[in-house]
C-alpha cells in the first residue's frame, strides 16, 4: 500500500509544469540554459521519472529522505552532522513539534467542547438548546476558515491589540524570563488553535448528537432504565459509550492531520509548521520535501486505520467476538 501511494504521488507531482530549475531561473534572470541543465543533472531531474522514483525509493529504504532543493540544502527529515561537528536540523524535524502542539491542543479543545454539546443537543431534542446548538453547528460548517482567520486577526490584533497575529514568538523572545516565554508562545498560538478547532468542532458535535439519538431509542436503554439505573448511569455509562463508536474511526483518521498541520491556519498566521512547509515546498517545486511530507502522511493514515480498528474492537465487544471466531 505504501509503495502504491508513494508511486502515484511521485508521478502526479512530476506532472506539474516546471521544476526547481525553473523557479531558480525566475529569481535569477541571468541564469543560462547551461546552468539550468547542470542543476537538472545535479538533482537527477534529467533522468526518466521511473528512474528518479527508483533512486528515491532506494534512499527511503535507509530512512534517508534526501536534502532540500533550496539553496540552504538542509536535510528533509532528520538532522545531519558535518565533518566539523556542526549539526543541521532537518526541515520536518524542526516543523513537526510546532504542528503537533497546535493540533493536539485543538483536538483536546474539540473533544472538551463537542462531546458535551452533542450530548445536550440529543437529550434536549427539538428544544431550545438543541436548536441553538444545531444552528451553531451549521454556522461552523458554513464559515470559511480563512475568512474567519482574517476577521479574527483584524478584530483581536489590529483593532484591539489583544493577541499577536503572526509568527510564533515576539521580538526579544530570547531575553524574556521562562514564564514570559511560555505566555508569549501561547498568545501566538491562541488564534491558530482556535481556527483549527472551530473547523472540526461542528462536525464532531453533530456526530455525537446523531449517535446519541440513535442509541437512546434502542431497547437496551429502555431496559437499563426499567432496572432502576440512575439517568447519569444510563446516559454516560451505556448510551454515550455506544454513541461514540462511529467517532473512533474519525479520531483514528485524524492522526495524519495532527502531523500534516493546518495549511490555512499556518499560512495565514505565518506559523513555521508542517502545513506551511508543504505549501512552500510546492511553490518551490522542492520534490524531496514534498515527498517526505506525503510519505509520512500516508504512513500515518495507514497506522490511523489500524489504530481505529483496534480501538473499535476495544470499545465494542461484538467486534472482539467476531475477531475471535
Protein backbone atom coordinates (compact mmCIF):
# COMPACT_ATOMS: atom_id res chain seq x y z
CA UNK A 1 0.00 0.00 0.00
CA UNK A 2 2.79 2.43 0.90
CA UNK A 3 4.64 1.71 -2.33
CA UNK A 4 1.46 2.28 -4.35
CA UNK A 5 0.71 5.58 -2.60
CA UNK A 6 4.27 6.85 -2.98
CA UNK A 7 4.40 5.82 -6.65
CA UNK A 8 1.16 7.64 -7.52
CA UNK A 9 2.20 10.70 -5.52
CA UNK A 10 5.62 10.80 -7.19
CA UNK A 11 4.20 10.61 -10.71
CA UNK A 12 1.41 13.13 -10.09
CA UNK A 13 3.93 15.55 -8.57
CA UNK A 14 6.06 15.38 -11.71
CA UNK A 15 3.04 16.15 -13.90
CA UNK A 16 3.09 19.72 -12.58
CA UNK A 17 4.78 22.14 -15.00
CA UNK A 18 8.28 23.32 -14.13
CA UNK A 19 10.78 22.23 -11.51
CA UNK A 20 13.32 23.77 -9.15
CA UNK A 21 15.48 24.96 -12.06
CA UNK A 22 12.55 26.96 -13.44
CA UNK A 23 11.99 28.54 -10.03
CA UNK A 24 15.65 29.46 -9.60
CA UNK A 25 15.78 30.87 -13.12
CA UNK A 26 12.83 33.14 -12.30
CA UNK A 27 14.76 34.54 -9.34
CA UNK A 28 17.92 34.89 -11.41
CA UNK A 29 17.20 36.23 -14.91
CA UNK A 30 20.88 35.81 -15.83
CA UNK A 31 20.71 32.04 -15.38
CA UNK A 32 21.74 30.43 -18.65
CA UNK A 33 20.37 27.30 -20.24
CA UNK A 34 23.65 25.54 -19.47
CA UNK A 35 23.45 26.33 -15.75
CA UNK A 36 19.86 25.12 -15.65
CA UNK A 37 20.88 21.88 -17.33
CA UNK A 38 23.67 21.39 -14.78
CA UNK A 39 21.14 21.85 -11.99
CA UNK A 40 18.87 19.26 -13.57
CA UNK A 41 21.78 16.81 -13.75
CA UNK A 42 22.75 17.60 -10.14
CA UNK A 43 19.23 16.82 -8.89
CA UNK A 44 18.81 13.82 -11.27
CA UNK A 45 15.90 15.63 -12.94
CA UNK A 46 17.32 14.81 -16.39
CA UNK A 47 16.60 11.10 -15.84
CA UNK A 48 13.26 9.38 -16.61
CA UNK A 49 10.65 9.67 -13.87
CA UNK A 50 10.69 5.94 -13.13
CA UNK A 51 14.47 6.11 -12.60
CA UNK A 52 14.07 9.09 -10.29
CA UNK A 53 11.48 7.15 -8.32
CA UNK A 54 13.82 4.16 -8.05
CA UNK A 55 16.62 6.36 -6.71
CA UNK A 56 14.22 7.97 -4.23
CA UNK A 57 12.89 4.57 -3.09
CA UNK A 58 16.44 3.33 -2.56
CA UNK A 59 17.17 6.25 -0.23
CA UNK A 60 13.87 5.83 1.62
CA UNK A 61 14.75 2.20 2.34
CA UNK A 62 17.57 3.55 4.54
CA UNK A 63 15.30 6.28 6.03
CA UNK A 64 17.17 8.91 4.01
CA UNK A 65 14.65 11.48 2.73
CA UNK A 66 17.38 13.41 0.95
CA UNK A 67 18.16 17.11 1.07
CA UNK A 68 16.08 20.06 0.02
CA UNK A 69 16.48 21.54 -3.45
CA UNK A 70 16.50 25.01 -1.89
CA UNK A 71 19.73 26.97 -1.61
CA UNK A 72 20.20 26.11 2.09
CA UNK A 73 20.47 22.38 1.18
CA UNK A 74 19.06 21.30 4.55
CA UNK A 75 18.17 17.64 5.19
CA UNK A 76 14.48 16.92 4.69
CA UNK A 77 13.73 14.66 7.63
CA UNK A 78 16.38 14.45 10.35
CA UNK A 79 19.44 16.36 11.46
CA UNK A 80 22.87 15.76 9.99
CA UNK A 81 26.39 16.48 11.24
CA UNK A 82 29.22 17.65 9.02
CA UNK A 83 32.93 16.90 9.41
CA UNK A 84 33.42 19.89 11.72
CA UNK A 85 30.70 18.62 14.04
CA UNK A 86 28.14 21.27 13.11
CA UNK A 87 24.57 19.96 13.37
CA UNK A 88 21.94 20.95 10.80
CA UNK A 89 18.33 20.33 11.83
CA UNK A 90 16.04 18.54 9.39
CA UNK A 91 13.18 20.61 7.98
CA UNK A 92 10.48 18.17 9.09
CA UNK A 93 12.22 17.68 12.45
CA UNK A 94 12.03 21.44 13.05
CA UNK A 95 8.43 21.94 11.86
CA UNK A 96 6.86 18.81 13.35
CA UNK A 97 6.81 19.77 17.09
CA UNK A 98 5.06 23.06 16.30
CA UNK A 99 2.36 21.38 14.24
CA UNK A 100 1.89 18.63 16.84
CA UNK A 101 1.45 21.20 19.61
CA UNK A 102 -1.16 23.18 17.65
CA UNK A 103 -3.17 20.18 16.51
CA UNK A 104 -3.08 18.21 19.77
CA UNK A 105 -4.32 21.26 21.68
CA UNK A 106 -7.02 21.92 19.07
CA UNK A 107 -8.11 18.24 19.22
CA UNK A 108 -8.38 18.41 23.01
CA UNK A 109 -10.41 21.61 22.67
CA UNK A 110 -12.73 19.90 20.17
CA UNK A 111 -13.29 16.91 22.48
CA UNK A 112 -13.91 19.06 25.57
CA UNK A 113 -16.49 21.21 23.78
CA UNK A 114 -18.05 18.96 21.12
CA UNK A 115 -18.92 15.99 23.37
CA UNK A 116 -20.99 17.99 25.90
CA UNK A 117 -22.67 19.96 23.09
CA UNK A 118 -23.65 16.78 21.26
CA UNK A 119 -24.98 15.11 24.41
CA UNK A 120 -27.02 18.16 25.45
CA UNK A 121 -28.46 18.53 21.94
CA UNK A 122 -29.57 14.88 21.93
CA UNK A 123 -31.09 14.99 25.42
CA UNK A 124 -32.95 18.22 24.60
CA UNK A 125 -34.08 17.16 21.14
CA UNK A 126 -36.23 19.77 19.36
CA UNK A 127 -35.97 22.12 22.33
CA UNK A 128 -34.19 25.46 22.55
CA UNK A 129 -30.74 24.02 23.50
CA UNK A 130 -30.89 21.56 20.60
CA UNK A 131 -31.92 24.22 18.10
CA UNK A 132 -29.26 26.63 19.35
CA UNK A 133 -26.50 24.01 19.11
CA UNK A 134 -27.72 22.88 15.69
CA UNK A 135 -27.62 26.48 14.48
CA UNK A 136 -24.08 26.78 15.83
CA UNK A 137 -23.11 23.56 14.01
CA UNK A 138 -24.44 24.79 10.66
CA UNK A 139 -22.69 28.14 11.11
CA UNK A 140 -19.47 26.29 11.90
CA UNK A 141 -19.83 24.26 8.71
CA UNK A 142 -20.63 27.31 6.59
CA UNK A 143 -17.95 29.79 7.73
CA UNK A 144 -14.77 29.52 5.61
CA UNK A 145 -11.75 29.03 7.83
CA UNK A 146 -9.56 31.54 6.02
CA UNK A 147 -12.24 34.25 6.23
CA UNK A 148 -12.75 33.67 9.95
CA UNK A 149 -8.98 33.77 10.49
CA UNK A 150 -8.69 37.12 8.72
CA UNK A 151 -11.63 38.59 10.65
CA UNK A 152 -10.19 37.46 13.99
CA UNK A 153 -6.77 38.80 13.04
CA UNK A 154 -8.27 42.21 12.30
CA UNK A 155 -10.51 42.28 15.38
CA UNK A 156 -8.18 40.85 18.05
CA UNK A 157 -4.86 42.00 16.62
CA UNK A 158 -5.35 45.19 14.63
CA UNK A 159 -8.33 46.85 16.32
CA UNK A 160 -7.81 45.84 19.96
CA UNK A 161 -4.21 44.55 20.03
CA UNK A 162 -5.22 41.66 22.28
CA UNK A 163 -3.30 38.90 20.51
CA UNK A 164 -0.35 38.76 18.09
CA UNK A 165 -1.38 37.93 14.54
CA UNK A 166 1.71 36.31 13.02
CA UNK A 167 4.74 34.26 13.87
CA UNK A 168 5.47 32.04 16.82
CA UNK A 169 7.36 34.41 19.11
CA UNK A 170 7.63 38.14 19.72
CA UNK A 171 10.71 40.28 19.14
CA UNK A 172 13.06 39.92 22.10
CA UNK A 173 11.71 36.46 22.96
CA UNK A 174 15.19 35.18 23.86
CA UNK A 175 15.63 37.83 26.56
CA UNK A 176 12.30 37.08 28.29
CA UNK A 177 12.03 35.04 31.53
CA UNK A 178 10.91 31.42 31.10
CA UNK A 179 7.32 32.04 32.21
CA UNK A 180 7.01 35.10 29.97
CA UNK A 181 8.26 32.99 27.04
CA UNK A 182 5.56 30.38 27.60
CA UNK A 183 2.84 33.05 27.85
CA UNK A 184 4.13 34.73 24.70
CA UNK A 185 4.06 31.44 22.77
CA UNK A 186 0.51 30.65 23.95
CA UNK A 187 -0.65 34.10 22.85
CA UNK A 188 0.77 33.49 19.39
CA UNK A 189 -0.86 30.04 19.22
CA UNK A 190 -4.28 31.09 20.53
CA UNK A 191 -5.75 32.11 17.17
CA UNK A 192 -4.26 29.20 15.12
CA UNK A 193 -5.54 26.69 17.72
CA UNK A 194 -9.00 28.27 17.71
CA UNK A 195 -9.21 28.30 13.89
CA UNK A 196 -8.04 24.67 13.71
CA UNK A 197 -10.58 23.65 16.35
CA UNK A 198 -13.63 25.51 15.05
CA UNK A 199 -13.50 23.72 11.70
CA UNK A 200 -13.68 20.27 13.36
CA UNK A 201 -15.86 21.19 16.31
CA UNK A 202 -19.10 21.43 14.35
CA UNK A 203 -18.72 18.03 12.71
CA UNK A 204 -17.87 16.15 15.92
CA UNK A 205 -20.77 17.77 17.81
CA UNK A 206 -23.18 16.72 15.05
CA UNK A 207 -21.82 13.16 15.04
CA UNK A 208 -22.25 12.90 18.82
CA UNK A 209 -25.81 14.29 18.65
CA UNK A 210 -26.95 11.90 15.93
CA UNK A 211 -25.21 8.96 17.56
CA UNK A 212 -26.85 9.68 20.90
CA UNK A 213 -30.29 9.97 19.29
CA UNK A 214 -29.87 6.58 17.64
CA UNK A 215 -28.69 4.92 20.84
CA UNK A 216 -31.32 6.48 23.14
CA UNK A 217 -34.06 4.78 21.09
CA UNK A 218 -32.55 1.31 21.49
CA UNK A 219 -34.24 -1.37 23.59
CA UNK A 220 -31.31 -1.88 25.94
CA UNK A 221 -31.56 1.77 27.05
CA UNK A 222 -35.23 1.22 27.93
CA UNK A 223 -34.23 -1.97 29.77
CA UNK A 224 -31.50 -0.16 31.70
CA UNK A 225 -33.97 2.48 32.82
CA UNK A 226 -36.55 -0.13 33.80
CA UNK A 227 -33.97 -1.76 36.07
CA UNK A 228 -33.82 1.45 38.09
CA UNK A 229 -30.41 2.67 36.98
CA UNK A 230 -29.79 6.37 37.50
CA UNK A 231 -30.17 8.63 34.49
CA UNK A 232 -26.48 9.57 34.60
CA UNK A 233 -25.53 5.86 34.57
CA UNK A 234 -27.83 5.24 31.61
CA UNK A 235 -26.62 8.26 29.64
CA UNK A 236 -22.89 8.19 30.34
CA UNK A 237 -22.36 4.53 31.17
CA UNK A 238 -24.40 2.93 28.39
CA UNK A 239 -25.62 5.39 25.76
CA UNK A 240 -22.58 7.66 25.33
CA UNK A 241 -20.08 4.82 25.04
CA UNK A 242 -22.02 3.19 22.23
CA UNK A 243 -22.77 6.52 20.56
CA UNK A 244 -19.04 7.25 20.36
CA UNK A 245 -18.25 4.11 18.35
CA UNK A 246 -18.51 5.87 14.96
CA UNK A 247 -16.18 8.60 16.27
CA UNK A 248 -13.45 6.05 16.90
CA UNK A 249 -12.80 5.83 13.16
CA UNK A 250 -12.82 9.63 12.85
CA UNK A 251 -10.29 10.05 15.65
CA UNK A 252 -8.10 7.33 14.17
CA UNK A 253 -8.08 9.05 10.79
CA UNK A 254 -7.37 12.40 12.43
CA UNK A 255 -3.81 11.27 13.24
CA UNK A 256 -2.43 12.30 9.80
CA UNK A 257 -3.99 15.72 10.34
CA UNK A 258 -2.06 16.09 13.59
CA UNK A 259 1.16 15.76 11.62
CA UNK A 260 0.13 17.30 8.32
CA UNK A 261 -0.93 20.50 10.02
CA UNK A 262 -3.46 23.10 9.06
CA UNK A 263 -2.37 24.70 5.81
CA UNK A 264 -4.82 27.59 6.19
CA UNK A 265 -4.01 28.49 9.80
CA UNK A 266 -0.25 28.06 9.48
CA UNK A 267 -0.05 30.00 6.21
CA UNK A 268 -2.24 32.90 7.34
CA UNK A 269 -0.59 33.24 10.76
CA UNK A 270 2.94 32.54 9.41
CA UNK A 271 3.43 29.58 11.77
CA UNK A 272 6.51 27.56 10.70
CA UNK A 273 4.78 24.19 10.88
CA UNK A 274 4.25 21.27 8.52
CA UNK A 275 1.37 22.89 6.65
CA UNK A 276 3.34 25.99 5.75
CA UNK A 277 6.41 23.88 4.96
CA UNK A 278 4.36 21.84 2.48
CA UNK A 279 2.93 24.94 0.76
CA UNK A 280 6.39 26.50 0.46
CA UNK A 281 7.79 23.26 -0.94
CA UNK A 282 5.02 23.04 -3.55
CA UNK A 283 5.61 26.63 -4.64
CA UNK A 284 9.37 25.97 -4.92
CA UNK A 285 8.90 22.58 -6.65
CA UNK A 286 11.02 21.14 -3.83
CA UNK A 287 10.36 17.48 -4.63
CA UNK A 288 12.28 15.85 -1.71
CA UNK A 289 10.38 17.91 0.88
CA UNK A 290 7.02 17.26 -0.82
CA UNK A 291 7.63 13.52 -0.99
CA UNK A 292 8.89 13.43 2.60
CA UNK A 293 5.70 15.03 3.91
CA UNK A 294 3.45 12.91 1.66
CA UNK A 295 5.19 9.70 2.70
CA UNK A 296 4.86 10.47 6.40
CA UNK A 297 1.21 11.42 5.89
CA UNK A 298 0.48 8.19 4.02
CA UNK A 299 2.19 6.08 6.68
CA UNK A 300 0.23 7.80 9.44
CA UNK A 301 -3.02 7.30 7.52
CA UNK A 302 -2.42 3.56 7.39
CA UNK A 303 -1.45 3.49 11.07
CA UNK A 304 -4.56 5.56 11.87
CA UNK A 305 -6.74 2.96 10.15
CA UNK A 306 -5.07 0.21 12.15
CA UNK A 307 -5.45 2.16 15.39
CA UNK A 308 -9.14 2.82 14.63
CA UNK A 309 -9.74 -0.93 14.14
CA UNK A 310 -8.01 -1.72 17.45
CA UNK A 311 -9.97 0.97 19.30
CA UNK A 312 -13.21 -0.20 17.73
CA UNK A 313 -12.58 -3.75 18.92
CA UNK A 314 -11.78 -2.44 22.41
CA UNK A 315 -14.98 -0.37 22.57
CA UNK A 316 -17.35 -2.92 21.02
CA UNK A 317 -17.32 -6.48 22.45
CA UNK A 318 -19.19 -7.76 19.38
CA UNK A 319 -16.18 -6.91 17.21
CA UNK A 320 -13.87 -8.78 19.59
CA UNK A 321 -16.08 -11.86 19.45
CA UNK A 322 -16.13 -11.65 15.66
CA UNK A 323 -12.32 -11.47 15.56
CA UNK A 324 -12.02 -14.39 17.95
CA UNK A 325 -14.18 -16.56 15.73
